[in-house]
Protein backbone atom coordinates (compact mmCIF):
# COMPACT_ATOMS: atom_id res chain seq x y z
CA GLN A 1 41.04 85.65 -5.87
CA ALA A 2 39.71 83.10 -3.44
CA PRO A 3 42.05 80.16 -2.78
CA PHE A 4 41.10 76.83 -4.35
CA VAL A 5 39.47 74.52 -1.83
CA HIS A 6 39.30 70.81 -2.54
CA HIS A 7 36.12 69.25 -1.15
CA LEU A 8 36.40 65.55 -0.42
CA PRO A 9 33.44 63.52 -1.69
CA THR A 10 30.99 62.48 0.99
CA ALA A 11 29.48 59.03 1.49
CA HIS A 12 26.32 60.41 -0.09
CA HIS A 13 28.23 61.42 -3.23
CA PHE A 14 29.75 57.94 -3.47
CA ALA A 15 26.36 56.28 -2.96
CA MET A 16 24.63 58.35 -5.62
CA ALA A 17 27.50 57.87 -8.07
CA ALA A 18 27.24 54.13 -7.54
CA LEU A 19 23.51 54.23 -8.17
CA ARG A 20 23.96 56.16 -11.40
CA SER A 21 26.70 53.77 -12.53
CA LEU A 22 24.48 50.79 -11.77
CA SER A 23 21.65 52.42 -13.70
CA ARG A 24 23.87 52.79 -16.80
CA SER A 25 25.20 49.25 -16.57
CA PHE A 26 21.83 47.61 -15.98
CA GLN A 27 20.74 47.91 -19.60
CA ARG A 28 24.10 46.73 -20.93
CA THR A 29 23.86 43.60 -18.77
CA ALA A 30 20.17 42.94 -19.37
CA PRO A 31 20.73 39.31 -20.48
CA LEU A 32 22.00 38.51 -16.99
CA PHE A 33 18.61 39.56 -15.60
CA SER A 34 16.47 37.92 -18.27
CA ARG A 35 15.50 34.97 -16.10
CA TYR A 36 13.81 37.42 -13.69
CA ALA A 37 12.37 39.75 -16.33
CA PRO A 38 8.62 40.41 -16.24
CA ALA A 39 6.32 39.25 -19.02
CA ALA A 40 5.10 42.80 -19.74
CA SER A 41 6.78 44.85 -22.46
CA PHE A 42 7.94 48.49 -22.36
CA SER A 43 4.66 49.65 -23.89
CA THR A 44 2.44 47.86 -21.37
CA ALA A 45 3.58 49.30 -18.04
CA GLN A 46 0.67 48.59 -15.70
CA PHE A 47 1.77 48.19 -12.08
CA LYS A 48 2.24 50.58 -9.18
CA VAL A 49 4.91 49.68 -6.64
CA CYS A 50 5.70 51.31 -3.30
CA ILE A 51 9.02 51.12 -1.45
CA ASN A 52 8.59 52.00 2.23
CA GLY A 53 11.98 53.10 3.50
CA GLY A 54 12.86 53.98 -0.09
CA ALA A 55 15.48 56.62 0.79
CA GLY A 56 17.64 54.23 2.84
CA GLY A 57 20.61 52.01 2.10
CA ILE A 58 18.46 49.19 0.75
CA GLY A 59 15.61 51.42 -0.34
CA GLN A 60 17.43 53.60 -2.88
CA PRO A 61 18.91 50.82 -5.05
CA LEU A 62 15.73 48.75 -4.62
CA THR A 63 13.62 51.69 -5.80
CA MET A 64 15.91 52.14 -8.79
CA LEU A 65 15.70 48.49 -9.79
CA MET A 66 11.90 48.46 -9.51
CA ALA A 67 11.69 51.71 -11.50
CA MET A 68 13.70 49.93 -14.22
CA ASN A 69 11.13 47.14 -14.48
CA PRO A 70 9.33 47.81 -17.78
CA SER A 71 5.99 46.60 -16.39
CA VAL A 72 6.01 49.27 -13.65
CA LYS A 73 4.12 52.50 -14.41
CA GLU A 74 4.60 54.23 -11.04
CA VAL A 75 6.88 53.91 -8.03
CA SER A 76 6.14 55.52 -4.67
CA VAL A 77 9.27 56.26 -2.62
CA GLN A 78 8.24 56.70 1.02
CA ASP A 79 10.49 57.47 3.96
CA VAL A 80 10.47 59.54 7.12
CA SER A 81 10.85 63.31 6.92
CA MET A 82 14.21 63.21 8.74
CA ALA A 83 15.78 60.70 6.30
CA ALA A 84 19.33 61.65 5.28
CA VAL A 85 18.16 61.91 1.66
CA PRO A 86 14.66 63.33 1.10
CA PRO A 87 12.32 60.88 -0.70
CA ALA A 88 11.51 63.66 -3.18
CA GLY A 89 15.21 63.82 -4.04
CA VAL A 90 15.39 60.09 -4.69
CA ALA A 91 12.26 60.39 -6.84
CA ALA A 92 13.70 63.31 -8.84
CA ASP A 93 16.94 61.43 -9.47
CA LEU A 94 15.27 58.18 -10.54
CA GLY A 95 12.59 60.03 -12.47
CA HIS A 96 15.19 60.79 -15.14
CA LEU A 97 15.79 57.12 -16.03
CA GLU A 98 14.69 56.12 -19.52
CA PHE A 99 11.95 53.77 -18.33
CA PRO A 100 8.18 54.29 -18.37
CA SER A 101 7.84 54.53 -14.60
CA LYS A 102 6.82 57.74 -12.85
CA VAL A 103 8.62 58.07 -9.50
CA VAL A 104 6.99 60.07 -6.68
CA GLY A 105 8.44 60.81 -3.24
CA TYR A 106 6.46 60.86 0.02
CA ALA A 107 7.95 62.12 3.30
CA THR A 108 6.05 61.14 6.44
CA ASP A 109 6.15 62.18 10.10
CA PRO A 110 6.78 59.11 12.30
CA LYS A 111 4.78 60.77 15.09
CA VAL A 112 1.63 60.68 12.96
CA PRO A 113 -0.09 57.35 12.14
CA ALA A 114 0.78 56.02 8.70
CA THR A 115 -2.92 55.54 7.99
CA GLU A 116 -3.29 59.34 8.10
CA GLN A 117 -0.44 60.01 5.65
CA LEU A 118 -0.12 57.27 3.04
CA GLU A 119 -3.37 57.39 1.08
CA ALA A 120 -1.87 58.87 -2.08
CA CYS A 121 1.30 56.84 -1.68
CA LEU A 122 -0.44 53.44 -1.43
CA THR A 123 -3.74 53.79 -3.29
CA GLY A 124 -3.60 51.65 -6.43
CA CYS A 125 -0.47 49.75 -5.40
CA ASN A 126 -0.05 46.19 -6.63
CA LEU A 127 3.15 45.53 -4.69
CA VAL A 128 4.53 47.09 -1.52
CA LEU A 129 8.11 46.34 -0.44
CA ILE A 130 9.12 47.25 3.12
CA PRO A 131 12.85 47.56 3.84
CA ALA A 132 12.07 50.31 6.38
CA GLY A 133 13.34 49.74 9.88
CA MET A 134 16.33 50.14 12.14
CA PRO A 135 19.54 48.12 12.06
CA ARG A 136 20.68 46.63 15.34
CA LYS A 137 22.88 49.09 17.25
CA PRO A 138 25.49 48.46 19.97
CA GLY A 139 23.79 47.75 23.28
CA MET A 140 20.48 46.92 21.63
CA THR A 141 19.04 43.47 22.32
CA ARG A 142 17.26 41.43 19.66
CA ASP A 143 14.04 42.02 21.58
CA ASP A 144 14.64 45.78 21.41
CA LEU A 145 15.18 45.55 17.65
CA PHE A 146 12.09 43.42 17.16
CA ASN A 147 9.81 45.76 19.10
CA ILE A 148 11.00 48.87 17.23
CA ASN A 149 10.84 47.28 13.78
CA ALA A 150 7.57 45.49 14.44
CA ASP A 151 5.98 48.82 15.35
CA ILE A 152 7.34 50.38 12.14
CA ALA A 153 6.07 47.48 10.03
CA LYS A 154 2.70 47.52 11.79
CA GLY A 155 2.10 51.16 10.89
CA VAL A 156 2.84 50.53 7.21
CA VAL A 157 0.86 47.27 7.07
CA GLU A 158 -2.18 48.91 8.67
CA ALA A 159 -2.00 51.57 5.96
CA CYS A 160 -1.74 48.86 3.30
CA ALA A 161 -4.81 47.17 4.75
CA LYS A 162 -6.70 50.45 4.42
CA PHE A 163 -5.50 51.75 1.05
CA CYS A 164 -4.28 48.73 -0.98
CA PRO A 165 -5.65 45.55 0.66
CA GLU A 166 -5.20 43.47 -2.52
CA ALA A 167 -1.50 44.33 -2.89
CA VAL A 168 1.24 41.83 -2.14
CA VAL A 169 3.20 43.17 0.82
CA GLY A 170 6.83 42.02 0.78
CA ILE A 171 8.38 42.15 4.25
CA ILE A 172 12.13 42.84 4.17
CA VAL A 173 12.46 44.51 7.57
CA ASN A 174 14.08 42.20 10.14
CA PRO A 175 13.49 39.99 12.00
CA VAL A 176 11.41 38.55 9.14
CA ASN A 177 10.80 35.27 11.01
CA SER A 178 8.81 37.13 13.68
CA ILE A 179 7.45 40.17 11.83
CA VAL A 180 5.73 38.19 9.04
CA PRO A 181 3.60 36.12 11.47
CA ALA A 182 2.66 39.28 13.37
CA MET A 183 1.62 41.16 10.22
CA ALA A 184 -0.22 38.17 8.69
CA GLU A 185 -2.21 37.77 11.90
CA LEU A 186 -3.00 41.49 11.75
CA TYR A 187 -4.45 40.95 8.27
CA LYS A 188 -6.49 38.00 9.59
CA LYS A 189 -7.93 40.22 12.33
CA LYS A 190 -9.02 42.70 9.66
CA GLY A 191 -10.68 39.97 7.58
CA LEU A 192 -8.01 40.17 4.87
CA ASP A 193 -5.99 37.45 3.16
CA PRO A 194 -2.89 36.66 5.29
CA LEU A 195 -1.14 35.36 2.15
CA LYS A 196 -0.85 38.96 0.98
CA ILE A 197 1.90 39.25 3.63
CA VAL A 198 5.06 37.63 2.25
CA GLY A 199 8.51 37.41 3.82
CA VAL A 200 11.25 38.15 1.28
CA THR A 201 13.90 35.43 1.64
CA SER A 202 15.34 35.73 -1.87
CA LEU A 203 18.76 36.89 -0.64
CA ASP A 204 19.35 33.43 0.82
CA ILE A 205 18.64 31.89 -2.59
CA VAL A 206 20.85 34.43 -4.35
CA ARG A 207 23.74 33.66 -2.01
CA ALA A 208 23.33 29.91 -2.29
CA ASN A 209 23.27 30.15 -6.10
CA LYS A 210 26.41 32.32 -6.19
CA PHE A 211 28.35 30.18 -3.72
CA VAL A 212 27.51 27.01 -5.65
CA ALA A 213 28.62 28.72 -8.87
CA GLU A 214 31.96 29.61 -7.28
CA ILE A 215 32.56 26.00 -6.24
CA THR A 216 31.42 24.36 -9.46
CA GLY A 217 32.53 26.93 -12.03
CA LYS A 218 29.02 27.04 -13.49
CA SER A 219 26.96 30.15 -14.25
CA PRO A 220 24.72 31.36 -11.39
CA ALA A 221 21.99 31.82 -14.03
CA ASP A 222 21.84 28.02 -14.40
CA ILE A 223 21.53 27.35 -10.65
CA GLU A 224 18.40 27.59 -8.50
CA VAL A 225 18.88 26.23 -4.99
CA PRO A 226 15.62 26.13 -2.99
CA VAL A 227 16.06 27.69 0.46
CA ILE A 228 13.39 26.69 2.95
CA GLY A 229 12.63 27.33 6.64
CA GLY A 230 13.13 30.94 7.65
CA HIS A 231 15.38 33.93 7.11
CA ALA A 232 17.91 34.02 9.96
CA GLY A 233 20.75 31.83 11.16
CA VAL A 234 20.04 28.12 11.39
CA THR A 235 16.47 28.64 10.11
CA ILE A 236 18.00 29.31 6.66
CA MET A 237 18.09 25.86 5.05
CA PRO A 238 19.40 25.58 1.48
CA VAL A 239 18.33 22.29 -0.12
CA PHE A 240 21.39 21.65 -2.26
CA SER A 241 20.25 18.15 -3.21
CA GLN A 242 17.32 19.57 -5.23
CA ASP A 243 19.41 21.57 -7.71
CA PRO A 244 21.18 19.57 -10.44
CA THR A 245 24.40 21.60 -10.16
CA SER A 246 24.69 21.80 -6.38
CA ALA A 247 23.76 18.11 -6.12
CA THR A 248 27.14 17.29 -7.74
CA ILE A 249 29.08 18.87 -4.86
CA SER A 250 30.66 16.25 -2.61
CA ALA A 251 28.82 15.64 0.66
CA ASP A 252 31.82 16.63 2.79
CA LYS A 253 31.67 20.20 1.40
CA ILE A 254 27.97 20.73 2.06
CA PRO A 255 28.07 21.64 5.79
CA ALA A 256 30.53 24.50 5.17
CA LEU A 257 28.53 25.69 2.16
CA ASP A 258 25.36 25.54 4.25
CA LYS A 259 26.99 27.54 7.04
CA ARG A 260 28.32 30.17 4.64
CA THR A 261 24.81 30.65 3.23
CA GLN A 262 23.43 31.07 6.76
CA ASP A 263 26.15 33.55 7.71
CA GLY A 264 26.22 35.56 4.47
CA GLY A 265 25.00 38.69 6.22
CA THR A 266 27.76 38.50 8.81
CA GLU A 267 30.32 38.06 6.04
CA VAL A 268 29.24 41.39 4.52
CA VAL A 269 29.06 43.24 7.87
CA GLU A 270 32.61 42.14 8.70
CA ALA A 271 33.89 43.09 5.24
CA LYS A 272 32.34 46.56 5.67
CA ALA A 273 34.12 46.84 9.03
CA GLY A 274 30.97 47.76 10.91
CA LYS A 275 30.12 50.59 8.50
CA GLY A 276 27.21 48.89 6.80
CA SER A 277 25.39 45.67 6.10
CA ALA A 278 24.12 43.78 3.06
CA THR A 279 22.27 46.65 1.41
CA LEU A 280 23.09 46.22 -2.29
CA SER A 281 22.67 42.44 -2.44
CA MET A 282 19.43 42.82 -0.46
CA ALA A 283 18.18 45.43 -2.92
CA TYR A 284 19.00 43.13 -5.84
CA SER A 285 17.23 40.26 -4.09
CA GLY A 286 14.20 42.38 -3.24
CA ALA A 287 13.95 43.39 -6.89
CA ARG A 288 14.28 39.75 -7.95
CA PHE A 289 11.35 38.95 -5.64
CA GLY A 290 9.34 41.95 -6.86
CA ASN A 291 9.95 41.08 -10.51
CA LYS A 292 8.65 37.56 -9.95
CA VAL A 293 5.52 38.80 -8.18
CA LEU A 294 4.80 41.23 -11.03
CA LYS A 295 5.50 38.60 -13.66
CA GLY A 296 2.84 36.42 -12.00
CA MET A 297 0.41 39.34 -11.86
CA ALA A 298 1.03 39.96 -15.57
CA GLY A 299 -0.21 36.45 -16.32
CA THR A 300 2.85 34.20 -16.21
CA PRO A 301 2.83 32.06 -13.02
CA THR A 302 6.30 32.31 -11.49
CA ASP A 303 7.98 30.44 -8.63
CA GLU A 304 10.14 31.80 -5.80
CA CYS A 305 10.81 30.57 -2.27
CA ALA A 306 9.13 32.90 0.23
CA TYR A 307 8.11 32.92 3.90
CA VAL A 308 4.33 32.76 4.26
CA ALA A 309 1.43 31.34 6.28
CA SER A 310 1.78 27.68 5.44
CA THR A 311 0.58 24.13 6.11
CA VAL A 312 3.49 22.26 4.48
CA THR A 313 4.94 21.57 7.95
CA GLU A 314 3.44 21.63 11.44
CA LEU A 315 4.61 25.25 11.82
CA PRO A 316 2.07 27.95 10.88
CA TYR A 317 4.69 29.96 8.96
CA PHE A 318 7.40 28.55 6.76
CA SER A 319 9.44 29.36 3.66
CA SER A 320 9.16 27.03 0.69
CA LYS A 321 8.62 27.39 -3.03
CA VAL A 322 5.58 29.56 -3.81
CA THR A 323 3.87 30.17 -7.16
CA PHE A 324 2.86 33.80 -7.76
CA GLY A 325 -0.08 34.43 -10.09
CA LYS A 326 -2.47 37.25 -10.97
CA THR A 327 -3.57 37.87 -7.37
CA GLY A 328 -0.32 37.03 -5.58
CA VAL A 329 0.34 33.70 -3.89
CA GLU A 330 -1.46 30.98 -5.87
CA LYS A 331 0.19 27.83 -4.58
CA ILE A 332 2.52 26.84 -1.74
CA HIS A 333 4.66 23.86 -2.68
CA PRO A 334 5.75 21.08 -0.31
CA VAL A 335 9.33 20.79 0.87
CA GLY A 336 10.09 17.87 -1.44
CA THR A 337 12.56 15.03 -1.01
CA LEU A 338 15.43 15.64 1.42
CA ASN A 339 18.59 13.63 2.03
CA SER A 340 19.63 12.54 5.51
CA TYR A 341 21.76 15.65 6.17
CA GLU A 342 18.89 17.91 5.15
CA GLU A 343 16.40 16.03 7.29
CA GLY A 344 18.57 16.71 10.34
CA ARG A 345 18.90 20.35 9.35
CA LEU A 346 15.15 20.67 8.89
CA LYS A 347 14.53 19.66 12.49
CA GLU A 348 17.15 22.14 13.71
CA ALA A 349 15.65 24.92 11.59
CA MET A 350 12.10 24.24 12.71
CA ASP A 351 12.99 24.14 16.41
CA GLN A 352 14.50 27.63 16.20
CA LEU A 353 11.85 28.95 13.83
CA LYS A 354 9.04 27.98 16.21
CA THR A 355 10.52 30.24 18.90
CA GLU A 356 10.74 33.16 16.49
CA ILE A 357 7.21 32.64 15.16
CA ASP A 358 5.88 32.57 18.70
CA LYS A 359 7.52 35.95 19.40
CA GLY A 360 5.62 37.50 16.49
CA LEU A 361 2.32 35.93 17.55
CA GLU A 362 2.77 37.16 21.12
CA TYR A 363 3.47 40.68 19.87
CA ILE A 364 0.31 40.97 17.80
CA ALA A 365 -1.87 39.28 20.44
CA GLY A 366 -1.06 42.18 22.73
CA LYS A 367 -2.10 44.85 20.22
């Protein structure tokens, strides 16, 4: 008789167990998500969504959450053929959830242009979310990271322009502050609407809401802190004075709360001891964004701060409150009234954001 061998669970086993646990708990905790729920009912699933990079650390939970949206009829899970988990495997796993969505996996060869591989994946899409990209590795400069991820995003966005030009394209891949301007200008060059390219900054809002809830003892569901500017470092500018709950926090606590919101990603990286980044909270936030876009498309105009081509400041790209409607971005709202602390922060954010916008514009000008 063969000796008993105990096999330790791998990181993959833990990840998939967590996904299945989250799937089971999602329905039990549905009231917590009601504020982000789409207008469509279970019987009226109508939208197709694609997650590019859907087999990755952000992509898998994000795909699951979008597949659980009752207004979604189909989810495309796309990733590269050498992904640790095959996209078809993610699709098979999520295809068993008791929701109306059909989940289909697409594996692509990064050596072949995306425009030659993604026709079936993207055709008919209403929303494309792009968490695909590389994390920053030791020895890699920010310029190195930008050039690699901008090339990845460019391939996907060119395919979107060809196969689903009316879809909203949510950019999650970093650096968002530079990649969104580059991809929006690419759409302009192709004669398409640059407002279809939207930077997903919802994680900054989610963090601000949670941190305010911790300080005040209120429910995060009753807090909605606008976060304007951009999506990195000092460009992240929570406007605490514009939320009734956060406005009650004493002024001397605001700078630290502001800084914690800016550095939320670092907080997670340090807690994971260099073994990961903010994947689960980013997936939740990406789904929050996606749900709001689809709710608008279903006929209920819905607001969310997002980073888009904008004229609310002198910068050509800026994050502020946006109203999503049947075709995507319907209205870009002004910044609103700021207190003296926030006015100083706005100048700081805009100075840095200009540099990062310029990097994206320079990249696409050379293509």
